[in-house]
Amino acid sequence: MATLNSSNSLSSTFYLTGIPGYEEFHHWISIPFCLLYLVGIMGNCTILHIVRTDPRLHEPMYYFLAMLSLTDMGMSMPTMISLFRVLWSISREIQFNICVVQMFFIHTFSFTESSVLLAMAFDRYVAICHPLRYATILTPRLIIKIGLAALLRSAFAMIPLLARLAFFPFCHSHILSHSYCLHQDMIRLACADTMFNIIYGLILVIVLWGMDSLGIFVSYMYILHSILRIASREGRLKALNTCASHICVVLILYVPMIGLSIVHRFAKHSSPLIHIFMAHIYLLIPPVLNPIIYSVKTKQIRQGVLHLLFPTKISSTMM
């Protein structure tokens, strides 16, 4: 019994890793990370503020964009405190229960973001293929249901995966590969049969991300078919332009995600820097680039940003 208690107490603390081999430069490395987090938080908060305060943006497309901003922050912000604690040499320790909570938020919002992108693809499909029924199909009630369904689906799917971690003994190394907790990183340290977690995690990725990406693909097949039937070239370009931002955002999420999965599955013995670099790209780049893309490509969002920066000048121009 004493041995069991000792093992449990030992397995309650884990140690995060910064950038291996560059520990003496961690304070300098923290500067670009600070800038990325600052740009991401400010950009997404700006999107949320514009959508909330501008009555012209109280439409389904912009409600889904606000959901995307929320999921971006939900996916990246849980990593911020632990990352800077490591880079600023405050502490590398993280307790098991905090680690599990951090994993829950990272993975839940990662799956939720994929669902929100599917909802945005459906929004574009309805807007282009059924424009006269757009307002009657995508009602505020339906949008709320879609948002809650995306969040609850992802959250409930993660519970069995993370709950099993509480029953695993961690009798070997407690050193994690990143400056935050990821499920695939944690289970490699367990001294138990982790087959359920491996198979269940793979099924989650295939079912959730797979179904979302398939739904996005099918939506764009219908969209493309509808666009090709538009007689005028200008009409086709205008319809395509309304989808350009969403296509860019989909690529920004899925390309790093696929790259990170490939690295974890097939490049286990590669340099740790590759794993760390890919993980940071996956968690930080979408929250930074998504608001920029929509601010550049979407006229209404761009006008909202300019109105925040130059309220007097923009108001006089609009009058």
C-alpha atoms as a PDB file:
ATOM      1  CA  MET A   1       0.000   0.000   0.000  1.00  0.00           C
ATOM      2  CA  ALA A   2       2.898   2.350   0.811  1.00  0.00           C
ATOM      3  CA  THR A   3       4.455   1.569  -2.553  1.00  0.00           C
ATOM      4  CA  LEU A   4       1.176   2.303  -4.358  1.00  0.00           C
ATOM      5  CA  ASN A   5       0.776   5.627  -2.550  1.00  0.00           C
ATOM      6  CA  SER A   6       4.352   6.529  -3.389  1.00  0.00           C
ATOM      7  CA  SER A   7       3.794   5.675  -7.060  1.00  0.00           C
ATOM      8  CA  ASN A   8       0.614   7.754  -7.183  1.00  0.00           C
ATOM      9  CA  SER A   9       2.307  10.759  -5.611  1.00  0.00           C
ATOM     10  CA  LEU A  10       5.216  10.481  -8.005  1.00  0.00           C
ATOM     11  CA  SER A  11       2.908  10.343 -11.016  1.00  0.00           C
ATOM     12  CA  SER A  12       1.019  13.507 -10.028  1.00  0.00           C
ATOM     13  CA  THR A  13       3.736  15.901 -11.229  1.00  0.00           C
ATOM     14  CA  PHE A  14       5.025  16.206 -14.785  1.00  0.00           C
ATOM     15  CA  TYR A  15       7.723  18.368 -16.344  1.00  0.00           C
ATOM     16  CA  LEU A  16       7.216  20.470 -19.453  1.00  0.00           C
ATOM     17  CA  THR A  17       9.853  21.017 -22.108  1.00  0.00           C
ATOM     18  CA  GLY A  18      10.745  24.272 -23.833  1.00  0.00           C
ATOM     19  CA  ILE A  19      13.008  24.303 -26.887  1.00  0.00           C
ATOM     20  CA  PRO A  20      15.602  21.534 -26.325  1.00  0.00           C
ATOM     21  CA  GLY A  21      19.180  22.708 -26.827  1.00  0.00           C
ATOM     22  CA  TYR A  22      18.231  26.392 -26.729  1.00  0.00           C
ATOM     23  CA  GLU A  23      17.475  26.796 -23.021  1.00  0.00           C
ATOM     24  CA  GLU A  24      19.836  29.772 -22.673  1.00  0.00           C
ATOM     25  CA  PHE A  25      17.865  31.608 -25.380  1.00  0.00           C
ATOM     26  CA  HIS A  26      14.396  30.916 -23.933  1.00  0.00           C
ATOM     27  CA  HIS A  27      13.906  34.532 -22.847  1.00  0.00           C
ATOM     28  CA  TRP A  28      14.622  35.747 -26.383  1.00  0.00           C
ATOM     29  CA  ILE A  29      12.511  32.993 -27.947  1.00  0.00           C
ATOM     30  CA  SER A  30       9.587  34.132 -25.786  1.00  0.00           C
ATOM     31  CA  ILE A  31       9.468  37.490 -27.628  1.00  0.00           C
ATOM     32  CA  PRO A  32       8.054  36.154 -30.958  1.00  0.00           C
ATOM     33  CA  PHE A  33       5.660  33.947 -28.997  1.00  0.00           C
ATOM     34  CA  CYS A  34       4.457  37.020 -27.073  1.00  0.00           C
ATOM     35  CA  LEU A  35       3.874  38.832 -30.362  1.00  0.00           C
ATOM     36  CA  LEU A  36       1.980  35.877 -31.853  1.00  0.00           C
ATOM     37  CA  TYR A  37      -0.289  35.524 -28.816  1.00  0.00           C
ATOM     38  CA  LEU A  38      -0.851  39.291 -28.733  1.00  0.00           C
ATOM     39  CA  VAL A  39      -1.769  39.440 -32.428  1.00  0.00           C
ATOM     40  CA  GLY A  40      -4.034  36.393 -32.094  1.00  0.00           C
ATOM     41  CA  ILE A  41      -5.889  37.666 -29.022  1.00  0.00           C
ATOM     42  CA  MET A  42      -6.266  41.208 -30.349  1.00  0.00           C
ATOM     43  CA  GLY A  43      -7.354  40.007 -33.798  1.00  0.00           C
ATOM     44  CA  ASN A  44      -9.995  37.598 -32.531  1.00  0.00           C
ATOM     45  CA  CYS A  45     -11.286  40.042 -29.893  1.00  0.00           C
ATOM     46  CA  THR A  46     -11.574  42.666 -32.644  1.00  0.00           C
ATOM     47  CA  ILE A  47     -13.641  40.278 -34.790  1.00  0.00           C
ATOM     48  CA  LEU A  48     -15.922  39.511 -31.835  1.00  0.00           C
ATOM     49  CA  HIS A  49     -16.342  43.206 -31.009  1.00  0.00           C
ATOM     50  CA  ILE A  50     -17.152  44.172 -34.608  1.00  0.00           C
ATOM     51  CA  VAL A  51     -19.702  41.377 -35.046  1.00  0.00           C
ATOM     52  CA  ARG A  52     -21.339  42.234 -31.712  1.00  0.00           C
ATOM     53  CA  THR A  53     -21.557  46.008 -32.198  1.00  0.00           C
ATOM     54  CA  ASP A  54     -22.303  46.362 -35.936  1.00  0.00           C
ATOM     55  CA  PRO A  55     -25.984  45.557 -36.687  1.00  0.00           C
ATOM     56  CA  ARG A  56     -25.116  45.024 -40.377  1.00  0.00           C
ATOM     57  CA  LEU A  57     -23.066  41.980 -39.361  1.00  0.00           C
ATOM     58  CA  HIS A  58     -25.872  40.259 -37.463  1.00  0.00           C
ATOM     59  CA  GLU A  59     -26.071  37.586 -40.161  1.00  0.00           C
ATOM     60  CA  PRO A  60     -25.319  33.841 -40.123  1.00  0.00           C
ATOM     61  CA  MET A  61     -21.951  34.167 -41.885  1.00  0.00           C
ATOM     62  CA  TYR A  62     -20.626  36.577 -39.241  1.00  0.00           C
ATOM     63  CA  TYR A  63     -22.095  34.633 -36.327  1.00  0.00           C
ATOM     64  CA  PHE A  64     -20.130  31.604 -37.524  1.00  0.00           C
ATOM     65  CA  LEU A  65     -17.045  33.822 -37.865  1.00  0.00           C
ATOM     66  CA  ALA A  66     -17.504  34.881 -34.225  1.00  0.00           C
ATOM     67  CA  MET A  67     -17.695  31.166 -33.277  1.00  0.00           C
ATOM     68  CA  LEU A  68     -14.440  30.596 -35.156  1.00  0.00           C
ATOM     69  CA  SER A  69     -12.755  33.391 -33.187  1.00  0.00           C
ATOM     70  CA  LEU A  70     -13.961  31.902 -29.898  1.00  0.00           C
ATOM     71  CA  THR A  71     -12.687  28.425 -30.784  1.00  0.00           C
ATOM     72  CA  ASP A  72      -9.359  29.872 -31.960  1.00  0.00           C
ATOM     73  CA  MET A  73      -8.828  31.489 -28.571  1.00  0.00           C
ATOM     74  CA  GLY A  74     -10.105  28.413 -26.749  1.00  0.00           C
ATOM     75  CA  MET A  75      -7.563  26.243 -28.571  1.00  0.00           C
ATOM     76  CA  SER A  76      -4.506  28.490 -28.151  1.00  0.00           C
ATOM     77  CA  MET A  77      -4.939  30.335 -24.842  1.00  0.00           C
ATOM     78  CA  PRO A  78      -4.757  27.252 -22.535  1.00  0.00           C
ATOM     79  CA  THR A  79      -1.167  26.791 -23.729  1.00  0.00           C
ATOM     80  CA  MET A  80      -0.107  30.387 -23.035  1.00  0.00           C
ATOM     81  CA  ILE A  81       0.503  30.264 -19.261  1.00  0.00           C
ATOM     82  CA  SER A  82       2.447  26.984 -19.253  1.00  0.00           C
ATOM     83  CA  LEU A  83       4.499  28.039 -22.304  1.00  0.00           C
ATOM     84  CA  PHE A  84       5.659  31.301 -20.736  1.00  0.00           C
ATOM     85  CA  ARG A  85       6.275  29.623 -17.356  1.00  0.00           C
ATOM     86  CA  VAL A  86       8.783  27.404 -19.153  1.00  0.00           C
ATOM     87  CA  LEU A  87      10.334  30.062 -21.403  1.00  0.00           C
ATOM     88  CA  TRP A  88      10.689  32.562 -18.532  1.00  0.00           C
ATOM     89  CA  SER A  89      12.231  29.870 -16.281  1.00  0.00           C
ATOM     90  CA  ILE A  90       9.462  30.236 -13.669  1.00  0.00           C
ATOM     91  CA  SER A  91       8.649  26.537 -13.432  1.00  0.00           C
ATOM     92  CA  ARG A  92       8.565  23.444 -15.619  1.00  0.00           C
ATOM     93  CA  GLU A  93       6.290  21.521 -13.252  1.00  0.00           C
ATOM     94  CA  ILE A  94       2.629  20.890 -13.968  1.00  0.00           C
ATOM     95  CA  GLN A  95       0.258  18.850 -11.851  1.00  0.00           C
ATOM     96  CA  PHE A  96      -1.574  15.909 -13.406  1.00  0.00           C
ATOM     97  CA  ASN A  97      -5.080  17.346 -12.910  1.00  0.00           C
ATOM     98  CA  ILE A  98      -4.074  20.705 -14.451  1.00  0.00           C
ATOM     99  CA  CYS A  99      -2.472  18.810 -17.323  1.00  0.00           C
ATOM    100  CA  VAL A 100      -5.704  16.894 -17.986  1.00  0.00           C
ATOM    101  CA  VAL A 101      -7.766  20.116 -17.926  1.00  0.00           C
ATOM    102  CA  GLN A 102      -5.339  21.732 -20.370  1.00  0.00           C
ATOM    103  CA  MET A 103      -5.558  18.692 -22.662  1.00  0.00           C
ATOM    104  CA  PHE A 104      -9.350  18.810 -22.484  1.00  0.00           C
ATOM    105  CA  PHE A 105      -9.495  22.433 -23.657  1.00  0.00           C
ATOM    106  CA  ILE A 106      -6.862  22.032 -26.396  1.00  0.00           C
ATOM    107  CA  HIS A 107      -8.372  18.895 -27.938  1.00  0.00           C
ATOM    108  CA  THR A 108     -12.022  19.892 -27.415  1.00  0.00           C
ATOM    109  CA  PHE A 109     -11.627  23.262 -29.112  1.00  0.00           C
ATOM    110  CA  SER A 110      -9.495  21.693 -31.834  1.00  0.00           C
ATOM    111  CA  PHE A 111     -12.368  19.345 -32.752  1.00  0.00           C
ATOM    112  CA  THR A 112     -14.876  22.182 -32.291  1.00  0.00           C
ATOM    113  CA  GLU A 113     -12.988  24.395 -34.742  1.00  0.00           C
ATOM    114  CA  SER A 114     -13.255  21.680 -37.371  1.00  0.00           C
ATOM    115  CA  SER A 115     -17.040  21.521 -36.780  1.00  0.00           C
ATOM    116  CA  VAL A 116     -17.333  25.314 -37.028  1.00  0.00           C
ATOM    117  CA  LEU A 117     -15.533  25.208 -40.389  1.00  0.00           C
ATOM    118  CA  LEU A 118     -18.071  22.611 -41.546  1.00  0.00           C
ATOM    119  CA  ALA A 119     -20.891  24.927 -40.403  1.00  0.00           C
ATOM    120  CA  MET A 120     -19.290  27.803 -42.331  1.00  0.00           C
ATOM    121  CA  ALA A 121     -19.093  25.610 -45.443  1.00  0.00           C
ATOM    122  CA  PHE A 122     -22.804  24.821 -45.044  1.00  0.00           C
ATOM    123  CA  ASP A 123     -23.457  28.560 -44.689  1.00  0.00           C
ATOM    124  CA  ARG A 124     -21.675  29.229 -48.011  1.00  0.00           C
ATOM    125  CA  TYR A 125     -23.572  26.342 -49.644  1.00  0.00           C
ATOM    126  CA  VAL A 126     -26.951  27.756 -48.602  1.00  0.00           C
ATOM    127  CA  ALA A 127     -25.954  31.331 -49.559  1.00  0.00           C
ATOM    128  CA  ILE A 128     -24.832  30.333 -53.065  1.00  0.00           C
ATOM    129  CA  CYS A 129     -27.084  27.392 -53.916  1.00  0.00           C
ATOM    130  CA  HIS A 130     -30.280  28.536 -52.157  1.00  0.00           C
ATOM    131  CA  PRO A 131     -29.947  32.333 -51.772  1.00  0.00           C
ATOM    132  CA  LEU A 132     -33.698  32.999 -51.552  1.00  0.00           C
ATOM    133  CA  ARG A 133     -34.075  30.592 -48.627  1.00  0.00           C
ATOM    134  CA  TYR A 134     -30.891  31.704 -46.829  1.00  0.00           C
ATOM    135  CA  ALA A 135     -32.588  33.651 -44.012  1.00  0.00           C
ATOM    136  CA  THR A 136     -35.317  31.045 -43.476  1.00  0.00           C
ATOM    137  CA  ILE A 137     -32.892  28.097 -43.320  1.00  0.00           C
ATOM    138  CA  LEU A 138     -30.144  29.626 -41.173  1.00  0.00           C
ATOM    139  CA  THR A 139     -32.248  31.124 -38.408  1.00  0.00           C
ATOM    140  CA  PRO A 140     -30.660  32.409 -35.166  1.00  0.00           C
ATOM    141  CA  ARG A 141     -32.140  29.418 -33.300  1.00  0.00           C
ATOM    142  CA  LEU A 142     -30.503  26.959 -35.716  1.00  0.00           C
ATOM    143  CA  ILE A 143     -27.151  28.776 -35.495  1.00  0.00           C
ATOM    144  CA  ILE A 144     -27.210  28.512 -31.682  1.00  0.00           C
ATOM    145  CA  LYS A 145     -28.042  24.797 -31.934  1.00  0.00           C
ATOM    146  CA  ILE A 146     -25.175  24.232 -34.393  1.00  0.00           C
ATOM    147  CA  GLY A 147     -22.703  26.017 -32.105  1.00  0.00           C
ATOM    148  CA  LEU A 148     -23.794  24.081 -29.010  1.00  0.00           C
ATOM    149  CA  ALA A 149     -23.811  20.776 -30.907  1.00  0.00           C
ATOM    150  CA  ALA A 150     -20.262  21.382 -32.178  1.00  0.00           C
ATOM    151  CA  LEU A 151     -18.980  22.160 -28.671  1.00  0.00           C
ATOM    152  CA  LEU A 152     -20.845  19.374 -26.845  1.00  0.00           C
ATOM    153  CA  ARG A 153     -19.945  16.760 -29.462  1.00  0.00           C
ATOM    154  CA  SER A 154     -16.252  17.530 -29.053  1.00  0.00           C
ATOM    155  CA  ALA A 155     -16.383  17.789 -25.244  1.00  0.00           C
ATOM    156  CA  PHE A 156     -18.263  14.521 -24.666  1.00  0.00           C
ATOM    157  CA  ALA A 157     -16.032  12.692 -27.153  1.00  0.00           C
ATOM    158  CA  MET A 158     -12.938  13.649 -25.122  1.00  0.00           C
ATOM    159  CA  ILE A 159     -14.241  12.538 -21.700  1.00  0.00           C
ATOM    160  CA  PRO A 160     -13.630   8.730 -22.041  1.00  0.00           C
ATOM    161  CA  LEU A 161     -10.163   9.361 -23.465  1.00  0.00           C
ATOM    162  CA  LEU A 162      -9.014  11.648 -20.654  1.00  0.00           C
ATOM    163  CA  ALA A 163     -10.862   9.837 -17.845  1.00  0.00           C
ATOM    164  CA  ARG A 164      -8.784   6.709 -18.432  1.00  0.00           C
ATOM    165  CA  LEU A 165      -5.580   8.660 -17.823  1.00  0.00           C
ATOM    166  CA  ALA A 166      -6.474   8.836 -14.115  1.00  0.00           C
ATOM    167  CA  PHE A 167      -6.076   5.032 -13.886  1.00  0.00           C
ATOM    168  CA  PHE A 168      -2.670   4.861 -15.621  1.00  0.00           C
ATOM    169  CA  PRO A 169       0.509   4.509 -13.557  1.00  0.00           C
ATOM    170  CA  PHE A 170       3.387   6.702 -14.749  1.00  0.00           C
ATOM    171  CA  CYS A 171       6.373   4.874 -13.306  1.00  0.00           C
ATOM    172  CA  HIS A 172       9.053   5.987 -15.770  1.00  0.00           C
ATOM    173  CA  SER A 173       9.929   9.432 -17.072  1.00  0.00           C
ATOM    174  CA  HIS A 174       7.540  12.279 -16.310  1.00  0.00           C
ATOM    175  CA  ILE A 175       9.084  14.614 -18.877  1.00  0.00           C
ATOM    176  CA  LEU A 176       6.664  15.758 -21.568  1.00  0.00           C
ATOM    177  CA  SER A 177       7.824  16.705 -25.069  1.00  0.00           C
ATOM    178  CA  HIS A 178       6.098  20.100 -25.226  1.00  0.00           C
ATOM    179  CA  SER A 179       5.508  23.182 -23.094  1.00  0.00           C
ATOM    180  CA  TYR A 180       1.871  22.117 -22.717  1.00  0.00           C
ATOM    181  CA  CYS A 181       0.009  18.825 -22.351  1.00  0.00           C
ATOM    182  CA  LEU A 182      -1.181  16.753 -25.301  1.00  0.00           C
ATOM    183  CA  HIS A 183      -2.894  13.373 -25.028  1.00  0.00           C
ATOM    184  CA  GLN A 184      -0.564  11.610 -27.468  1.00  0.00           C
ATOM    185  CA  ASP A 185       2.404  12.915 -25.488  1.00  0.00           C
ATOM    186  CA  MET A 186       1.014  11.790 -22.121  1.00  0.00           C
ATOM    187  CA  ILE A 187       0.092   8.208 -23.013  1.00  0.00           C
ATOM    188  CA  ARG A 188       3.625   7.391 -24.201  1.00  0.00           C
ATOM    189  CA  LEU A 189       4.762   7.839 -20.575  1.00  0.00           C
ATOM    190  CA  ALA A 190       2.188   5.432 -19.117  1.00  0.00           C
ATOM    191  CA  CYS A 191       3.295   2.058 -17.739  1.00  0.00           C
ATOM    192  CA  ALA A 192       0.078   0.312 -18.747  1.00  0.00           C
ATOM    193  CA  ASP A 193      -1.819  -0.978 -21.730  1.00  0.00           C
ATOM    194  CA  THR A 194      -2.786   2.167 -23.652  1.00  0.00           C
ATOM    195  CA  MET A 195      -4.331   0.356 -26.624  1.00  0.00           C
ATOM    196  CA  PHE A 196      -7.832   1.672 -25.868  1.00  0.00           C
ATOM    197  CA  ASN A 197      -6.584   5.270 -25.843  1.00  0.00           C
ATOM    198  CA  ILE A 198      -4.620   4.784 -29.055  1.00  0.00           C
ATOM    199  CA  ILE A 199      -7.502   3.145 -30.946  1.00  0.00           C
ATOM    200  CA  TYR A 200     -10.181   5.442 -29.504  1.00  0.00           C
ATOM    201  CA  GLY A 201      -8.056   8.513 -30.280  1.00  0.00           C
ATOM    202  CA  LEU A 202      -7.551   7.328 -33.855  1.00  0.00           C
ATOM    203  CA  ILE A 203     -11.293   6.681 -34.230  1.00  0.00           C
ATOM    204  CA  LEU A 204     -12.033  10.187 -32.927  1.00  0.00           C
ATOM    205  CA  VAL A 205      -9.711  11.754 -35.490  1.00  0.00           C
ATOM    206  CA  ILE A 206     -11.145   9.675 -38.351  1.00  0.00           C
ATOM    207  CA  VAL A 207     -14.809  10.149 -37.362  1.00  0.00           C
ATOM    208  CA  LEU A 208     -14.812  13.785 -36.235  1.00  0.00           C
ATOM    209  CA  TRP A 209     -12.188  15.383 -38.453  1.00  0.00           C
ATOM    210  CA  GLY A 210     -12.880  12.904 -41.249  1.00  0.00           C
ATOM    211  CA  MET A 211     -16.626  13.572 -41.310  1.00  0.00           C
ATOM    212  CA  ASP A 212     -16.095  17.335 -41.041  1.00  0.00           C
ATOM    213  CA  SER A 213     -13.572  17.421 -43.887  1.00  0.00           C
ATOM    214  CA  LEU A 214     -15.830  15.183 -46.020  1.00  0.00           C
ATOM    215  CA  GLY A 215     -18.780  17.499 -45.331  1.00  0.00           C
ATOM    216  CA  ILE A 216     -16.687  20.533 -46.322  1.00  0.00           C
ATOM    217  CA  PHE A 217     -15.587  18.786 -49.516  1.00  0.00           C
ATOM    218  CA  VAL A 218     -19.149  17.799 -50.470  1.00  0.00           C
ATOM    219  CA  SER A 219     -20.403  21.339 -49.746  1.00  0.00           C
ATOM    220  CA  TYR A 220     -17.814  22.798 -52.083  1.00  0.00           C
ATOM    221  CA  MET A 221     -18.643  20.307 -54.793  1.00  0.00           C
ATOM    222  CA  TYR A 222     -22.241  21.590 -54.746  1.00  0.00           C
ATOM    223  CA  ILE A 223     -20.998  25.189 -54.531  1.00  0.00           C
ATOM    224  CA  LEU A 224     -18.676  24.722 -57.510  1.00  0.00           C
ATOM    225  CA  HIS A 225     -21.452  23.068 -59.521  1.00  0.00           C
ATOM    226  CA  SER A 226     -23.757  26.001 -58.752  1.00  0.00           C
ATOM    227  CA  ILE A 227     -21.077  28.612 -59.568  1.00  0.00           C
ATOM    228  CA  LEU A 228     -20.340  27.050 -62.962  1.00  0.00           C
ATOM    229  CA  ARG A 229     -24.011  27.510 -63.876  1.00  0.00           C
ATOM    230  CA  ILE A 230     -23.791  31.295 -63.365  1.00  0.00           C
ATOM    231  CA  ALA A 231     -23.837  32.945 -66.780  1.00  0.00           C
ATOM    232  CA  SER A 232     -21.627  35.997 -66.196  1.00  0.00           C
ATOM    233  CA  ARG A 233     -17.913  35.814 -65.434  1.00  0.00           C
ATOM    234  CA  GLU A 234     -18.265  38.603 -62.852  1.00  0.00           C
ATOM    235  CA  GLY A 235     -21.012  36.678 -61.078  1.00  0.00           C
ATOM    236  CA  ARG A 236     -18.822  33.565 -60.905  1.00  0.00           C
ATOM    237  CA  LEU A 237     -15.868  35.551 -59.536  1.00  0.00           C
ATOM    238  CA  LYS A 238     -18.058  37.274 -56.957  1.00  0.00           C
ATOM    239  CA  ALA A 239     -19.451  33.939 -55.755  1.00  0.00           C
ATOM    240  CA  LEU A 240     -15.960  32.427 -55.568  1.00  0.00           C
ATOM    241  CA  ASN A 241     -14.670  35.448 -53.678  1.00  0.00           C
ATOM    242  CA  THR A 242     -17.226  34.895 -50.913  1.00  0.00           C
ATOM    243  CA  CYS A 243     -15.671  31.435 -50.371  1.00  0.00           C
ATOM    244  CA  ALA A 244     -11.997  32.440 -50.626  1.00  0.00           C
ATOM    245  CA  SER A 245     -11.580  33.371 -46.945  1.00  0.00           C
ATOM    246  CA  HIS A 246     -13.169  30.140 -45.764  1.00  0.00           C
ATOM    247  CA  ILE A 247     -11.026  27.991 -48.079  1.00  0.00           C
ATOM    248  CA  CYS A 248      -7.860  29.686 -46.749  1.00  0.00           C
ATOM    249  CA  VAL A 249      -8.946  29.111 -43.130  1.00  0.00           C
ATOM    250  CA  VAL A 250      -9.703  25.433 -43.837  1.00  0.00           C
ATOM    251  CA  LEU A 251      -6.223  24.950 -45.318  1.00  0.00           C
ATOM    252  CA  ILE A 252      -4.589  26.774 -42.387  1.00  0.00           C
ATOM    253  CA  LEU A 253      -6.225  24.349 -39.925  1.00  0.00           C
ATOM    254  CA  TYR A 254      -6.019  21.064 -41.819  1.00  0.00           C
ATOM    255  CA  VAL A 255      -2.527  21.292 -43.393  1.00  0.00           C
ATOM    256  CA  PRO A 256      -0.659  21.717 -40.050  1.00  0.00           C
ATOM    257  CA  MET A 257      -2.991  19.159 -38.442  1.00  0.00           C
ATOM    258  CA  ILE A 258      -2.170  16.553 -41.098  1.00  0.00           C
ATOM    259  CA  GLY A 259       1.530  17.447 -40.864  1.00  0.00           C
ATOM    260  CA  LEU A 260       1.514  17.044 -37.061  1.00  0.00           C
ATOM    261  CA  SER A 261      -0.292  13.685 -37.329  1.00  0.00           C
ATOM    262  CA  ILE A 262       2.242  12.439 -39.892  1.00  0.00           C
ATOM    263  CA  VAL A 263       5.151  13.525 -37.690  1.00  0.00           C
ATOM    264  CA  HIS A 264       3.689  11.768 -34.626  1.00  0.00           C
ATOM    265  CA  ARG A 265       2.856   8.578 -36.545  1.00  0.00           C
ATOM    266  CA  PHE A 266       5.802   8.174 -38.941  1.00  0.00           C
ATOM    267  CA  ALA A 267       8.636  10.378 -37.647  1.00  0.00           C
ATOM    268  CA  LYS A 268       8.803   9.355 -33.987  1.00  0.00           C
ATOM    269  CA  HIS A 269      12.615   9.233 -34.028  1.00  0.00           C
ATOM    270  CA  SER A 270      13.105  12.560 -35.800  1.00  0.00           C
ATOM    271  CA  SER A 271      14.488  15.642 -34.052  1.00  0.00           C
ATOM    272  CA  PRO A 272      12.320  16.847 -31.124  1.00  0.00           C
ATOM    273  CA  LEU A 273      12.504  20.321 -32.672  1.00  0.00           C
ATOM    274  CA  ILE A 274      10.363  19.106 -35.606  1.00  0.00           C
ATOM    275  CA  HIS A 275       7.625  17.861 -33.246  1.00  0.00           C
ATOM    276  CA  ILE A 276       7.712  21.086 -31.224  1.00  0.00           C
ATOM    277  CA  PHE A 277       7.746  23.288 -34.317  1.00  0.00           C
ATOM    278  CA  MET A 278       4.772  21.483 -35.903  1.00  0.00           C
ATOM    279  CA  ALA A 279       2.768  21.572 -32.652  1.00  0.00           C
ATOM    280  CA  HIS A 280       3.303  25.324 -32.255  1.00  0.00           C
ATOM    281  CA  ILE A 281       2.314  25.952 -35.887  1.00  0.00           C
ATOM    282  CA  TYR A 282      -0.868  23.932 -35.418  1.00  0.00           C
ATOM    283  CA  LEU A 283      -1.926  25.729 -32.215  1.00  0.00           C
ATOM    284  CA  LEU A 284      -0.724  29.285 -32.915  1.00  0.00           C
ATOM    285  CA  ILE A 285      -0.935  29.980 -36.642  1.00  0.00           C
ATOM    286  CA  PRO A 286      -4.747  29.600 -37.135  1.00  0.00           C
ATOM    287  CA  PRO A 287      -5.652  32.064 -34.319  1.00  0.00           C
ATOM    288  CA  VAL A 288      -3.144  34.574 -35.722  1.00  0.00           C
ATOM    289  CA  LEU A 289      -3.963  34.284 -39.435  1.00  0.00           C
ATOM    290  CA  ASN A 290      -7.747  33.732 -39.383  1.00  0.00           C
ATOM    291  CA  PRO A 291      -8.658  37.288 -38.274  1.00  0.00           C
ATOM    292  CA  ILE A 292      -6.125  38.739 -40.720  1.00  0.00           C
ATOM    293  CA  ILE A 293      -7.557  36.723 -43.631  1.00  0.00           C
ATOM    294  CA  TYR A 294     -11.140  37.745 -42.893  1.00  0.00           C
ATOM    295  CA  SER A 295     -10.119  41.377 -42.330  1.00  0.00           C
ATOM    296  CA  VAL A 296      -8.373  41.483 -45.713  1.00  0.00           C
ATOM    297  CA  LYS A 297     -10.829  39.424 -47.781  1.00  0.00           C
ATOM    298  CA  THR A 298     -14.193  40.450 -46.271  1.00  0.00           C
ATOM    299  CA  LYS A 299     -15.282  44.013 -47.009  1.00  0.00           C
ATOM    300  CA  GLN A 300     -17.641  44.363 -44.028  1.00  0.00           C
ATOM    301  CA  ILE A 301     -15.015  43.156 -41.536  1.00  0.00           C
ATOM    302  CA  ARG A 302     -12.394  45.373 -43.137  1.00  0.00           C
ATOM    303  CA  GLN A 303     -14.692  48.380 -42.815  1.00  0.00           C
ATOM    304  CA  GLY A 304     -15.360  47.491 -39.187  1.00  0.00           C
ATOM    305  CA  VAL A 305     -11.629  47.334 -38.410  1.00  0.00           C
ATOM    306  CA  LEU A 306     -11.021  50.677 -40.144  1.00  0.00           C
ATOM    307  CA  HIS A 307     -13.939  52.192 -38.234  1.00  0.00           C
ATOM    308  CA  LEU A 308     -12.335  51.083 -34.954  1.00  0.00           C
ATOM    309  CA  LEU A 309      -8.960  52.561 -35.955  1.00  0.00           C
ATOM    310  CA  PHE A 310     -10.205  55.774 -37.615  1.00  0.00           C
ATOM    311  CA  PRO A 311     -13.809  56.326 -36.421  1.00  0.00           C
ATOM    312  CA  THR A 312     -14.103  59.996 -37.432  1.00  0.00           C
ATOM    313  CA  LYS A 313     -12.575  59.601 -40.885  1.00  0.00           C
ATOM    314  CA  ILE A 314     -14.563  56.462 -41.777  1.00  0.00           C
ATOM    315  CA  SER A 315     -17.850  57.963 -40.541  1.00  0.00           C
ATOM    316  CA  SER A 316     -17.369  61.062 -42.665  1.00  0.00           C
ATOM    317  CA  THR A 317     -16.491  58.917 -45.692  1.00  0.00           C
ATOM    318  CA  MET A 318     -19.621  56.762 -45.285  1.00  0.00           C
ATOM    319  CA  MET A 319     -21.792  59.886 -45.018  1.00  0.00           C
END
